Structure formats: structure tokens, C-alpha cells
């Protein structure tokens, strides 16, 4: 699989607004984008550190994946996202190597990215996202 770089680290938070003082005031990062991804029932906020982004994920519904994650594990790192030249090719390669897929085909994610997830049961317990610019 050809990984070009770490695209972002996804961090589950109860409230983006409550988290901003730490990321902006303490770490000195600037939030450059906040958006809601309706089909994933999540609100996201992005910060850039070098080439890598940090994505805060706030649930917008009690039945969202992020709400369930926070309920079970608390706030913290949710996933690691790698940039790839082609998400479908990366998924096909992962599946051919026995990796359990959450998504069998790319879907739309925040910031116009095509995304897909690999199941943590097959990725050393780290929820792994593959993404590529859809622009």
C-alpha cells in the first residue's frame, strides 16, 4: 500500500467549543475550518501542524459513532488517517491481505476528502482511515 503521509489524527471530544482554548490558547494552533458532516453525525474542527492535521470530532447525535466512542472510552484519539493516491485501490489491497474493512468503497468525508476505514480488529487495534482529496 502506498501511503503518502499522515493526513490527520482524529480526536473525539464532547465539545469543540470547550476544546478550542487548549488547542488555540495553549498549543497556539489556529482552527481553520469547522464543518458538520451530516451523514456521519459529527461536527469537525481542523488545525494544521506542519503537513499533518488534527481533526476534532464532536458528536451531533447521541447515536453517532463518536458519541458511542466517547461513552465507551472517553475523549481522546479516535483514529489515524493516512493519505493514499487512490482509496479504492488501497481498500482492495488491504482486503486482499486479509484486512477487515469497515467501508468496501470510498465515501465522502470532511473537507471534501474521499475516505474509508479499516477495522481495528485487523489493524493492531488502531482505527485506520484512508483518504484522498476528492477535489
N, C-alpha and C. Protein backbone atom coordinates (compact mmCIF):
# COMPACT_ATOMS: atom_id res chain seq x y z
N UNK A 1 0.85 -1.18 0.00
CA UNK A 1 0.00 0.00 0.00
C UNK A 1 0.89 1.23 0.00
N UNK A 2 0.55 2.18 -0.82
CA UNK A 2 1.35 3.41 -0.90
C UNK A 2 0.72 4.50 -0.04
N UNK A 3 1.35 4.79 1.10
CA UNK A 3 0.92 5.87 1.98
C UNK A 3 1.79 7.08 1.67
N UNK A 4 1.19 8.23 1.44
CA UNK A 4 1.99 9.41 1.12
C UNK A 4 2.36 10.23 2.37
N UNK A 5 1.47 10.25 3.35
CA UNK A 5 1.76 10.94 4.61
C UNK A 5 0.61 10.70 5.59
N UNK A 6 0.84 11.09 6.85
CA UNK A 6 -0.25 11.07 7.82
C UNK A 6 -1.12 12.28 7.49
N UNK A 7 -2.36 12.03 7.11
CA UNK A 7 -3.26 13.11 6.72
C UNK A 7 -3.78 13.84 7.96
N UNK A 8 -4.24 13.07 8.95
CA UNK A 8 -4.68 13.70 10.19
C UNK A 8 -4.81 12.68 11.32
N UNK A 9 -4.90 13.20 12.51
CA UNK A 9 -5.24 12.43 13.70
C UNK A 9 -6.63 12.87 14.11
N UNK A 10 -7.55 11.92 14.24
CA UNK A 10 -8.91 12.23 14.67
C UNK A 10 -9.03 12.09 16.17
N UNK A 11 -9.53 13.13 16.83
CA UNK A 11 -9.66 13.15 18.28
C UNK A 11 -11.11 13.40 18.65
N UNK A 12 -11.69 12.45 19.38
CA UNK A 12 -13.07 12.58 19.82
C UNK A 12 -13.16 13.53 21.02
N UNK A 13 -14.07 14.49 20.94
CA UNK A 13 -14.29 15.44 22.04
C UNK A 13 -15.78 15.60 22.27
N UNK A 14 -16.13 15.92 23.50
CA UNK A 14 -17.54 16.17 23.80
C UNK A 14 -17.98 17.50 23.22
N UNK A 15 -17.06 18.47 23.20
CA UNK A 15 -17.40 19.80 22.74
C UNK A 15 -16.20 20.46 22.07
N UNK A 16 -16.35 20.83 20.81
CA UNK A 16 -15.28 21.56 20.12
C UNK A 16 -15.07 22.90 20.81
N UNK A 17 -16.14 23.58 21.12
CA UNK A 17 -16.05 24.90 21.77
C UNK A 17 -15.24 24.83 23.07
N UNK A 18 -15.47 23.80 23.86
CA UNK A 18 -14.74 23.65 25.12
C UNK A 18 -13.29 23.24 24.89
N UNK A 19 -12.99 22.64 23.75
CA UNK A 19 -11.63 22.18 23.44
C UNK A 19 -10.76 23.25 22.81
N UNK A 20 -11.37 24.24 22.17
CA UNK A 20 -10.61 25.28 21.46
C UNK A 20 -9.60 26.02 22.34
N UNK A 21 -9.93 26.37 23.61
CA UNK A 21 -8.93 27.08 24.41
C UNK A 21 -7.61 26.32 24.57
N UNK A 22 -7.68 25.00 24.64
CA UNK A 22 -6.44 24.21 24.74
C UNK A 22 -5.66 24.25 23.42
N UNK A 23 -6.33 23.91 22.33
CA UNK A 23 -5.63 23.82 21.04
C UNK A 23 -5.15 25.18 20.55
N UNK A 24 -5.96 26.22 20.75
CA UNK A 24 -5.56 27.56 20.29
C UNK A 24 -4.77 28.32 21.34
N UNK A 25 -5.27 28.33 22.59
CA UNK A 25 -4.64 29.14 23.63
C UNK A 25 -3.37 28.55 24.20
N UNK A 26 -3.33 27.24 24.39
CA UNK A 26 -2.15 26.59 24.98
C UNK A 26 -1.17 26.16 23.91
N UNK A 27 -1.65 25.44 22.89
CA UNK A 27 -0.75 24.92 21.85
C UNK A 27 -0.44 25.97 20.78
N UNK A 28 -1.26 27.01 20.70
CA UNK A 28 -1.01 28.06 19.73
C UNK A 28 -1.40 27.70 18.31
N UNK A 29 -2.26 26.70 18.15
CA UNK A 29 -2.73 26.32 16.82
C UNK A 29 -3.91 27.19 16.42
N UNK A 30 -4.17 27.31 15.14
CA UNK A 30 -5.30 28.09 14.66
C UNK A 30 -6.30 27.17 14.00
N UNK A 31 -7.53 27.18 14.49
CA UNK A 31 -8.59 26.41 13.86
C UNK A 31 -8.93 27.09 12.54
N UNK A 32 -8.78 26.34 11.44
CA UNK A 32 -9.03 26.95 10.13
C UNK A 32 -10.31 26.48 9.46
N UNK A 33 -10.97 25.48 10.04
CA UNK A 33 -12.20 25.00 9.41
C UNK A 33 -13.05 24.26 10.44
N UNK A 34 -14.32 24.62 10.50
CA UNK A 34 -15.30 23.89 11.30
C UNK A 34 -16.45 23.55 10.35
N UNK A 35 -16.84 22.29 10.33
CA UNK A 35 -17.96 21.89 9.47
C UNK A 35 -18.70 20.72 10.09
N UNK A 36 -19.94 20.56 9.70
CA UNK A 36 -20.76 19.44 10.12
C UNK A 36 -20.83 18.46 8.96
N UNK A 37 -20.59 17.18 9.26
CA UNK A 37 -20.74 16.12 8.27
C UNK A 37 -22.00 15.36 8.69
N UNK A 38 -23.11 15.74 8.06
CA UNK A 38 -24.43 15.25 8.46
C UNK A 38 -24.54 13.72 8.47
N UNK A 39 -24.07 13.07 7.40
CA UNK A 39 -24.26 11.62 7.32
C UNK A 39 -23.42 10.85 8.34
N UNK A 40 -22.39 11.49 8.90
CA UNK A 40 -21.60 10.85 9.94
C UNK A 40 -21.99 11.33 11.34
N UNK A 41 -22.96 12.25 11.40
CA UNK A 41 -23.46 12.78 12.67
C UNK A 41 -22.33 13.33 13.53
N UNK A 42 -21.52 14.18 12.90
CA UNK A 42 -20.34 14.72 13.58
C UNK A 42 -20.07 16.15 13.13
N UNK A 43 -19.56 16.93 14.06
CA UNK A 43 -19.06 18.28 13.77
C UNK A 43 -17.55 18.17 13.88
N UNK A 44 -16.82 18.76 12.92
CA UNK A 44 -15.37 18.66 12.92
C UNK A 44 -14.73 20.02 12.99
N UNK A 45 -13.54 20.06 13.58
CA UNK A 45 -12.71 21.27 13.60
C UNK A 45 -11.30 20.85 13.24
N UNK A 46 -10.64 21.63 12.38
CA UNK A 46 -9.31 21.27 11.90
C UNK A 46 -8.24 22.28 12.28
N UNK A 47 -7.07 21.74 12.59
CA UNK A 47 -5.87 22.50 12.89
C UNK A 47 -4.75 21.88 12.07
N UNK A 48 -3.76 22.68 11.70
CA UNK A 48 -2.64 22.15 10.92
C UNK A 48 -1.36 22.27 11.74
N UNK A 49 -0.59 21.18 11.74
CA UNK A 49 0.73 21.15 12.38
C UNK A 49 1.68 20.60 11.32
N UNK A 50 2.45 21.48 10.68
CA UNK A 50 3.26 21.05 9.55
C UNK A 50 2.34 20.57 8.44
N UNK A 51 2.62 19.38 7.92
CA UNK A 51 1.79 18.81 6.85
C UNK A 51 0.60 18.03 7.41
N UNK A 52 0.62 17.76 8.72
CA UNK A 52 -0.40 16.92 9.34
C UNK A 52 -1.49 17.78 9.98
N UNK A 53 -2.71 17.28 9.91
CA UNK A 53 -3.84 17.97 10.53
C UNK A 53 -4.29 17.23 11.78
N UNK A 54 -4.90 17.98 12.67
CA UNK A 54 -5.61 17.42 13.82
C UNK A 54 -7.08 17.70 13.56
N UNK A 55 -7.90 16.67 13.67
CA UNK A 55 -9.33 16.80 13.46
C UNK A 55 -10.05 16.51 14.77
N UNK A 56 -10.72 17.50 15.32
CA UNK A 56 -11.57 17.27 16.49
C UNK A 56 -12.92 16.80 15.98
N UNK A 57 -13.47 15.80 16.65
CA UNK A 57 -14.74 15.21 16.25
C UNK A 57 -15.73 15.31 17.40
N UNK A 58 -16.77 16.09 17.23
CA UNK A 58 -17.82 16.26 18.24
C UNK A 58 -19.09 15.60 17.73
N UNK A 59 -19.70 14.73 18.52
CA UNK A 59 -20.93 14.09 18.05
C UNK A 59 -22.07 15.11 17.95
N UNK A 60 -22.91 14.94 16.92
CA UNK A 60 -24.09 15.80 16.78
C UNK A 60 -25.36 15.03 17.11
N UNK A 61 -25.19 13.76 17.46
CA UNK A 61 -26.33 12.91 17.80
C UNK A 61 -25.86 11.87 18.82
N UNK A 62 -26.76 11.50 19.72
CA UNK A 62 -26.40 10.51 20.74
C UNK A 62 -26.13 9.13 20.15
N UNK A 63 -26.64 8.87 18.94
CA UNK A 63 -26.41 7.56 18.33
C UNK A 63 -25.27 7.57 17.31
N UNK A 64 -24.48 8.63 17.29
CA UNK A 64 -23.35 8.69 16.36
C UNK A 64 -22.20 7.80 16.85
N UNK A 65 -21.36 7.41 15.92
CA UNK A 65 -20.19 6.60 16.24
C UNK A 65 -19.31 7.30 17.27
N UNK A 66 -19.14 8.61 17.13
CA UNK A 66 -18.28 9.37 18.05
C UNK A 66 -18.90 9.41 19.44
N UNK A 67 -20.22 9.60 19.53
CA UNK A 67 -20.88 9.60 20.85
C UNK A 67 -20.68 8.25 21.54
N UNK A 68 -20.82 7.17 20.78
CA UNK A 68 -20.64 5.83 21.35
C UNK A 68 -19.19 5.62 21.78
N UNK A 69 -18.25 6.11 20.99
CA UNK A 69 -16.83 6.00 21.33
C UNK A 69 -16.55 6.72 22.65
N UNK A 70 -17.03 7.96 22.77
CA UNK A 70 -16.80 8.75 23.99
C UNK A 70 -17.44 8.07 25.20
N UNK A 71 -18.65 7.54 25.01
CA UNK A 71 -19.33 6.86 26.11
C UNK A 71 -18.53 5.64 26.59
N UNK A 72 -17.95 4.92 25.66
CA UNK A 72 -17.22 3.70 25.99
C UNK A 72 -15.79 3.96 26.47
N UNK A 73 -15.08 4.88 25.78
CA UNK A 73 -13.65 5.07 26.04
C UNK A 73 -13.27 6.45 26.55
N UNK A 74 -14.21 7.39 26.51
CA UNK A 74 -13.89 8.76 26.89
C UNK A 74 -13.30 9.53 25.73
N UNK A 75 -13.04 10.79 25.96
CA UNK A 75 -12.44 11.62 24.93
C UNK A 75 -11.01 11.16 24.66
N UNK A 76 -10.55 11.38 23.44
CA UNK A 76 -9.18 11.02 23.11
C UNK A 76 -9.02 10.64 21.66
N UNK A 77 -7.86 10.09 21.33
CA UNK A 77 -7.56 9.74 19.95
C UNK A 77 -8.54 8.67 19.47
N UNK A 78 -9.19 8.97 18.37
CA UNK A 78 -10.20 8.09 17.78
C UNK A 78 -9.64 7.30 16.60
N UNK A 79 -8.89 7.98 15.71
CA UNK A 79 -8.35 7.29 14.54
C UNK A 79 -7.11 7.98 14.00
N UNK A 80 -6.40 7.22 13.18
CA UNK A 80 -5.22 7.70 12.46
C UNK A 80 -5.56 7.63 10.98
N UNK A 81 -5.36 8.75 10.27
CA UNK A 81 -5.71 8.80 8.84
C UNK A 81 -4.47 8.96 7.99
N UNK A 82 -4.36 8.10 6.99
CA UNK A 82 -3.26 8.16 6.04
C UNK A 82 -3.78 8.64 4.69
N UNK A 83 -3.00 9.46 4.01
CA UNK A 83 -3.31 9.85 2.64
C UNK A 83 -2.79 8.78 1.70
N UNK A 84 -3.59 8.45 0.71
CA UNK A 84 -3.22 7.47 -0.31
C UNK A 84 -3.57 8.04 -1.69
N UNK A 85 -2.88 7.58 -2.74
CA UNK A 85 -3.20 8.08 -4.08
C UNK A 85 -4.59 7.69 -4.55
N UNK A 86 -5.07 6.51 -4.14
CA UNK A 86 -6.40 6.04 -4.55
C UNK A 86 -6.99 5.20 -3.42
N UNK A 87 -8.07 5.66 -2.85
CA UNK A 87 -8.68 4.96 -1.71
C UNK A 87 -9.17 3.57 -2.12
N UNK A 88 -9.83 3.46 -3.26
CA UNK A 88 -10.37 2.15 -3.66
C UNK A 88 -9.24 1.15 -3.87
N UNK A 89 -8.15 1.55 -4.49
CA UNK A 89 -7.01 0.64 -4.69
C UNK A 89 -6.43 0.21 -3.35
N UNK A 90 -6.33 1.15 -2.41
CA UNK A 90 -5.79 0.82 -1.09
C UNK A 90 -6.73 -0.15 -0.36
N UNK A 91 -8.05 0.06 -0.48
CA UNK A 91 -9.02 -0.85 0.12
C UNK A 91 -8.90 -2.25 -0.48
N UNK A 92 -8.81 -2.31 -1.79
CA UNK A 92 -8.70 -3.60 -2.47
C UNK A 92 -7.44 -4.34 -2.03
N UNK A 93 -6.33 -3.61 -1.92
CA UNK A 93 -5.08 -4.23 -1.49
C UNK A 93 -5.19 -4.73 -0.05
N UNK A 94 -5.76 -3.89 0.83
CA UNK A 94 -5.92 -4.29 2.24
C UNK A 94 -6.79 -5.54 2.34
N UNK A 95 -7.89 -5.57 1.60
CA UNK A 95 -8.79 -6.73 1.63
C UNK A 95 -8.07 -7.98 1.11
N UNK A 96 -7.25 -7.83 0.08
CA UNK A 96 -6.52 -8.98 -0.47
C UNK A 96 -5.51 -9.54 0.52
N UNK A 97 -5.13 -8.72 1.49
CA UNK A 97 -4.18 -9.14 2.52
C UNK A 97 -4.88 -9.57 3.80
N UNK A 98 -6.21 -9.72 3.74
CA UNK A 98 -6.96 -10.22 4.88
C UNK A 98 -7.42 -9.19 5.89
N UNK A 99 -7.29 -7.91 5.57
CA UNK A 99 -7.72 -6.85 6.48
C UNK A 99 -9.24 -6.71 6.41
N UNK A 100 -9.88 -6.65 7.57
CA UNK A 100 -11.33 -6.45 7.64
C UNK A 100 -11.64 -4.99 7.34
N UNK A 101 -12.52 -4.74 6.40
CA UNK A 101 -12.89 -3.39 6.00
C UNK A 101 -14.17 -2.95 6.69
N UNK A 102 -14.21 -1.70 7.11
CA UNK A 102 -15.46 -1.10 7.56
C UNK A 102 -16.21 -0.59 6.33
N UNK A 103 -15.46 0.02 5.42
CA UNK A 103 -16.02 0.53 4.17
C UNK A 103 -15.44 -0.27 3.00
N UNK A 104 -16.31 -0.79 2.16
CA UNK A 104 -15.83 -1.53 0.97
C UNK A 104 -15.59 -0.59 -0.21
N UNK A 105 -16.10 0.64 -0.09
CA UNK A 105 -15.91 1.66 -1.13
C UNK A 105 -15.73 3.02 -0.45
N UNK A 106 -15.03 3.93 -1.09
CA UNK A 106 -14.86 5.27 -0.50
C UNK A 106 -16.19 6.00 -0.35
N UNK A 107 -16.23 6.90 0.62
CA UNK A 107 -17.40 7.75 0.82
C UNK A 107 -16.92 9.16 1.08
N UNK A 108 -17.82 10.11 1.09
CA UNK A 108 -17.45 11.50 1.31
C UNK A 108 -17.21 11.77 2.78
N UNK A 109 -16.15 12.51 3.05
CA UNK A 109 -15.82 12.90 4.42
C UNK A 109 -15.65 14.40 4.51
N UNK A 110 -15.18 14.87 5.64
CA UNK A 110 -14.96 16.30 5.86
C UNK A 110 -13.90 16.82 4.88
N UNK A 111 -13.94 18.08 4.61
CA UNK A 111 -13.00 18.79 3.74
C UNK A 111 -12.96 18.25 2.31
N UNK A 112 -14.05 17.62 1.88
CA UNK A 112 -14.12 17.14 0.51
C UNK A 112 -13.26 15.91 0.22
N UNK A 113 -12.83 15.22 1.27
CA UNK A 113 -11.99 14.04 1.08
C UNK A 113 -12.84 12.80 0.79
N UNK A 114 -12.31 11.91 -0.02
CA UNK A 114 -12.87 10.56 -0.17
C UNK A 114 -12.21 9.74 0.93
N UNK A 115 -13.02 9.03 1.73
CA UNK A 115 -12.49 8.32 2.88
C UNK A 115 -13.01 6.89 2.95
N UNK A 116 -12.31 6.06 3.71
CA UNK A 116 -12.75 4.71 4.03
C UNK A 116 -11.99 4.26 5.25
N UNK A 117 -12.62 3.40 6.05
CA UNK A 117 -12.00 2.94 7.29
C UNK A 117 -11.68 1.45 7.25
N UNK A 118 -10.57 1.10 7.90
CA UNK A 118 -10.18 -0.29 8.12
C UNK A 118 -10.52 -0.64 9.56
N UNK A 119 -11.02 -1.84 9.78
CA UNK A 119 -11.48 -2.24 11.11
C UNK A 119 -10.29 -2.43 12.07
N UNK A 120 -10.41 -1.90 13.29
CA UNK A 120 -9.30 -2.04 14.26
C UNK A 120 -8.97 -3.49 14.63
N UNK A 121 -9.91 -4.42 14.41
CA UNK A 121 -9.60 -5.83 14.68
C UNK A 121 -8.48 -6.33 13.76
N UNK A 122 -8.28 -5.66 12.63
CA UNK A 122 -7.26 -6.07 11.67
C UNK A 122 -6.06 -5.12 11.61
N UNK A 123 -6.09 -4.06 12.44
CA UNK A 123 -5.06 -3.03 12.33
C UNK A 123 -4.38 -2.76 13.68
N UNK A 124 -4.11 -3.81 14.40
CA UNK A 124 -3.44 -3.69 15.71
C UNK A 124 -4.19 -2.76 16.65
N UNK A 125 -5.52 -2.81 16.61
CA UNK A 125 -6.42 -2.05 17.49
C UNK A 125 -6.44 -0.55 17.23
N UNK A 126 -5.93 -0.10 16.08
CA UNK A 126 -5.96 1.32 15.73
C UNK A 126 -6.94 1.51 14.57
N UNK A 127 -8.04 2.22 14.82
CA UNK A 127 -8.97 2.53 13.74
C UNK A 127 -8.20 3.35 12.71
N UNK A 128 -8.15 2.85 11.48
CA UNK A 128 -7.33 3.45 10.44
C UNK A 128 -8.22 3.95 9.31
N UNK A 129 -7.99 5.22 8.94
CA UNK A 129 -8.73 5.84 7.86
C UNK A 129 -7.79 6.03 6.68
N UNK A 130 -8.29 5.78 5.49
CA UNK A 130 -7.56 6.05 4.26
C UNK A 130 -8.28 7.19 3.60
N UNK A 131 -7.55 8.19 3.10
CA UNK A 131 -8.23 9.31 2.48
C UNK A 131 -7.44 9.90 1.32
N UNK A 132 -8.19 10.53 0.44
CA UNK A 132 -7.63 11.14 -0.74
C UNK A 132 -8.49 12.34 -1.10
N UNK A 133 -7.87 13.37 -1.55
CA UNK A 133 -8.60 14.56 -1.94
C UNK A 133 -9.60 14.25 -3.02
N UNK A 134 -10.83 14.67 -2.81
CA UNK A 134 -11.87 14.49 -3.80
C UNK A 134 -11.95 15.68 -4.75
N UNK A 135 -11.09 16.64 -4.54
CA UNK A 135 -11.12 17.88 -5.34
C UNK A 135 -10.27 17.75 -6.57
